[in-house]
Amino acid sequence: MTANPVQSTLAMHQSPRCTAHSKRTGKPCGSPAVRGWAVCRMHGARGGAPKGERNGAYRHGGYTQEALAASQYVRALVKLVKPSLDEIA
């Protein structure tokens, strides 16, 4: 038997490995990383909840990306106007 899996040239053995490390031992995961990600499927690749109403926790939309961007814009405008208001008083 001459087949040594450590020296294998198969694509599955040559694939990039997960970069996650164990909290307990500190050793790397070693599982194949998902294509386009640095980690394997068990360590967060393609994870996360759906956006918007498809997520079950959606209630009113006050913290959506659009609402947060609008509030940042308003804060920036107030910051620009506030120094001129201080000069008037």
C-alpha atoms as a PDB file:
ATOM      1  CA  MET A   1       0.000   0.000   0.000  1.00  0.00           C
ATOM      2  CA  THR A   2       1.782   3.115  -1.242  1.00  0.00           C
ATOM      3  CA  ALA A   3      -1.027   5.669  -1.067  1.00  0.00           C
ATOM      4  CA  ASN A   4      -0.147   8.268   1.566  1.00  0.00           C
ATOM      5  CA  PRO A   5      -3.055  10.690   2.244  1.00  0.00           C
ATOM      6  CA  VAL A   6      -0.641  13.327   3.569  1.00  0.00           C
ATOM      7  CA  GLN A   7       1.015  13.573   0.145  1.00  0.00           C
ATOM      8  CA  SER A   8      -2.217  13.352  -1.846  1.00  0.00           C
ATOM      9  CA  THR A   9      -2.672  15.526  -4.928  1.00  0.00           C
ATOM     10  CA  LEU A  10      -6.474  15.355  -4.968  1.00  0.00           C
ATOM     11  CA  ALA A  11      -8.229  18.715  -5.101  1.00  0.00           C
ATOM     12  CA  MET A  12     -10.106  18.077  -1.859  1.00  0.00           C
ATOM     13  CA  HIS A  13      -6.831  17.546  -0.022  1.00  0.00           C
ATOM     14  CA  GLN A  14      -5.199  20.633  -1.563  1.00  0.00           C
ATOM     15  CA  SER A  15      -8.057  23.024  -0.716  1.00  0.00           C
ATOM     16  CA  PRO A  16      -7.480  25.940   1.704  1.00  0.00           C
ATOM     17  CA  ARG A  17      -8.149  25.142   5.336  1.00  0.00           C
ATOM     18  CA  CYS A  18     -10.353  26.905   7.896  1.00  0.00           C
ATOM     19  CA  THR A  19      -8.546  29.688   9.772  1.00  0.00           C
ATOM     20  CA  ALA A  20     -10.619  29.345  12.968  1.00  0.00           C
ATOM     21  CA  HIS A  21      -8.908  28.194  16.157  1.00  0.00           C
ATOM     22  CA  SER A  22     -10.310  26.330  19.137  1.00  0.00           C
ATOM     23  CA  LYS A  23     -10.825  28.378  22.308  1.00  0.00           C
ATOM     24  CA  ARG A  24      -9.907  25.422  24.466  1.00  0.00           C
ATOM     25  CA  THR A  25      -6.868  23.953  22.724  1.00  0.00           C
ATOM     26  CA  GLY A  26      -5.777  26.805  20.461  1.00  0.00           C
ATOM     27  CA  LYS A  27      -5.340  24.395  17.556  1.00  0.00           C
ATOM     28  CA  PRO A  28      -6.616  25.281  14.072  1.00  0.00           C
ATOM     29  CA  CYS A  29      -9.842  23.704  12.810  1.00  0.00           C
ATOM     30  CA  GLY A  30      -8.370  21.953   9.771  1.00  0.00           C
ATOM     31  CA  SER A  31     -11.650  21.497   7.904  1.00  0.00           C
ATOM     32  CA  PRO A  32     -11.790  22.677   4.282  1.00  0.00           C
ATOM     33  CA  ALA A  33     -12.805  26.335   3.990  1.00  0.00           C
ATOM     34  CA  VAL A  34     -15.917  27.205   1.984  1.00  0.00           C
ATOM     35  CA  ARG A  35     -15.078  28.637  -1.456  1.00  0.00           C
ATOM     36  CA  GLY A  36     -14.774  32.422  -1.143  1.00  0.00           C
ATOM     37  CA  TRP A  37     -14.537  32.344   2.662  1.00  0.00           C
ATOM     38  CA  ALA A  38     -11.660  31.941   5.120  1.00  0.00           C
ATOM     39  CA  VAL A  39     -13.609  29.617   7.418  1.00  0.00           C
ATOM     40  CA  CYS A  40     -15.528  26.345   7.151  1.00  0.00           C
ATOM     41  CA  ARG A  41     -19.299  25.955   7.298  1.00  0.00           C
ATOM     42  CA  MET A  42     -19.172  25.172  11.014  1.00  0.00           C
ATOM     43  CA  HIS A  43     -17.345  28.418  11.841  1.00  0.00           C
ATOM     44  CA  GLY A  44     -19.629  30.912  10.132  1.00  0.00           C
ATOM     45  CA  ALA A  45     -19.303  30.740   6.377  1.00  0.00           C
ATOM     46  CA  ARG A  46     -22.606  31.723   4.756  1.00  0.00           C
ATOM     47  CA  GLY A  47     -24.121  32.234   8.177  1.00  0.00           C
ATOM     48  CA  GLY A  48     -26.444  34.929   9.438  1.00  0.00           C
ATOM     49  CA  ALA A  49     -30.104  35.768   9.475  1.00  0.00           C
ATOM     50  CA  PRO A  50     -32.067  37.009   6.467  1.00  0.00           C
ATOM     51  CA  LYS A  51     -32.422  40.774   6.039  1.00  0.00           C
ATOM     52  CA  GLY A  52     -35.591  42.771   6.640  1.00  0.00           C
ATOM     53  CA  GLU A  53     -39.045  41.286   7.051  1.00  0.00           C
ATOM     54  CA  ARG A  54     -37.844  37.779   6.240  1.00  0.00           C
ATOM     55  CA  ASN A  55     -36.112  37.823   9.631  1.00  0.00           C
ATOM     56  CA  GLY A  56     -38.624  36.887  12.337  1.00  0.00           C
ATOM     57  CA  ALA A  57     -37.418  39.655  14.661  1.00  0.00           C
ATOM     58  CA  TYR A  58     -38.509  42.460  12.278  1.00  0.00           C
ATOM     59  CA  ARG A  59     -40.950  44.792  14.063  1.00  0.00           C
ATOM     60  CA  HIS A  60     -41.108  48.387  12.874  1.00  0.00           C
ATOM     61  CA  GLY A  61     -38.107  49.207  10.671  1.00  0.00           C
ATOM     62  CA  GLY A  62     -36.640  51.850  12.979  1.00  0.00           C
ATOM     63  CA  TYR A  63     -33.212  50.235  12.862  1.00  0.00           C
ATOM     64  CA  THR A  64     -33.037  49.300   9.179  1.00  0.00           C
ATOM     65  CA  GLN A  65     -29.994  50.347   7.159  1.00  0.00           C
ATOM     66  CA  GLU A  66     -32.039  53.061   5.458  1.00  0.00           C
ATOM     67  CA  ALA A  67     -33.329  54.477   8.762  1.00  0.00           C
ATOM     68  CA  LEU A  68     -29.856  54.500  10.309  1.00  0.00           C
ATOM     69  CA  ALA A  69     -28.395  56.206   7.233  1.00  0.00           C
ATOM     70  CA  ALA A  70     -31.130  58.859   7.354  1.00  0.00           C
ATOM     71  CA  SER A  71     -30.476  59.581  11.036  1.00  0.00           C
ATOM     72  CA  GLN A  72     -26.730  59.874  10.385  1.00  0.00           C
ATOM     73  CA  TYR A  73     -27.453  62.341   7.588  1.00  0.00           C
ATOM     74  CA  VAL A  74     -29.673  64.449   9.851  1.00  0.00           C
ATOM     75  CA  ARG A  75     -27.030  64.419  12.611  1.00  0.00           C
ATOM     76  CA  ALA A  76     -24.391  65.599  10.125  1.00  0.00           C
ATOM     77  CA  LEU A  77     -26.662  68.455   8.986  1.00  0.00           C
ATOM     78  CA  VAL A  78     -27.320  69.501  12.591  1.00  0.00           C
ATOM     79  CA  LYS A  79     -23.587  69.444  13.270  1.00  0.00           C
ATOM     80  CA  LEU A  80     -23.016  71.799  10.319  1.00  0.00           C
ATOM     81  CA  VAL A  81     -25.794  74.186  11.353  1.00  0.00           C
ATOM     82  CA  LYS A  82     -25.117  74.205  15.113  1.00  0.00           C
ATOM     83  CA  PRO A  83     -21.926  76.369  15.046  1.00  0.00           C
ATOM     84  CA  SER A  84     -23.790  79.085  13.142  1.00  0.00           C
ATOM     85  CA  LEU A  85     -26.590  79.006  15.756  1.00  0.00           C
ATOM     86  CA  ASP A  86     -24.040  79.473  18.535  1.00  0.00           C
ATOM     87  CA  GLU A  87     -22.693  82.602  16.779  1.00  0.00           C
ATOM     88  CA  ILE A  88     -26.191  84.154  16.684  1.00  0.00           C
ATOM     89  CA  ALA A  89     -26.788  83.714  20.421  1.00  0.00           C
END
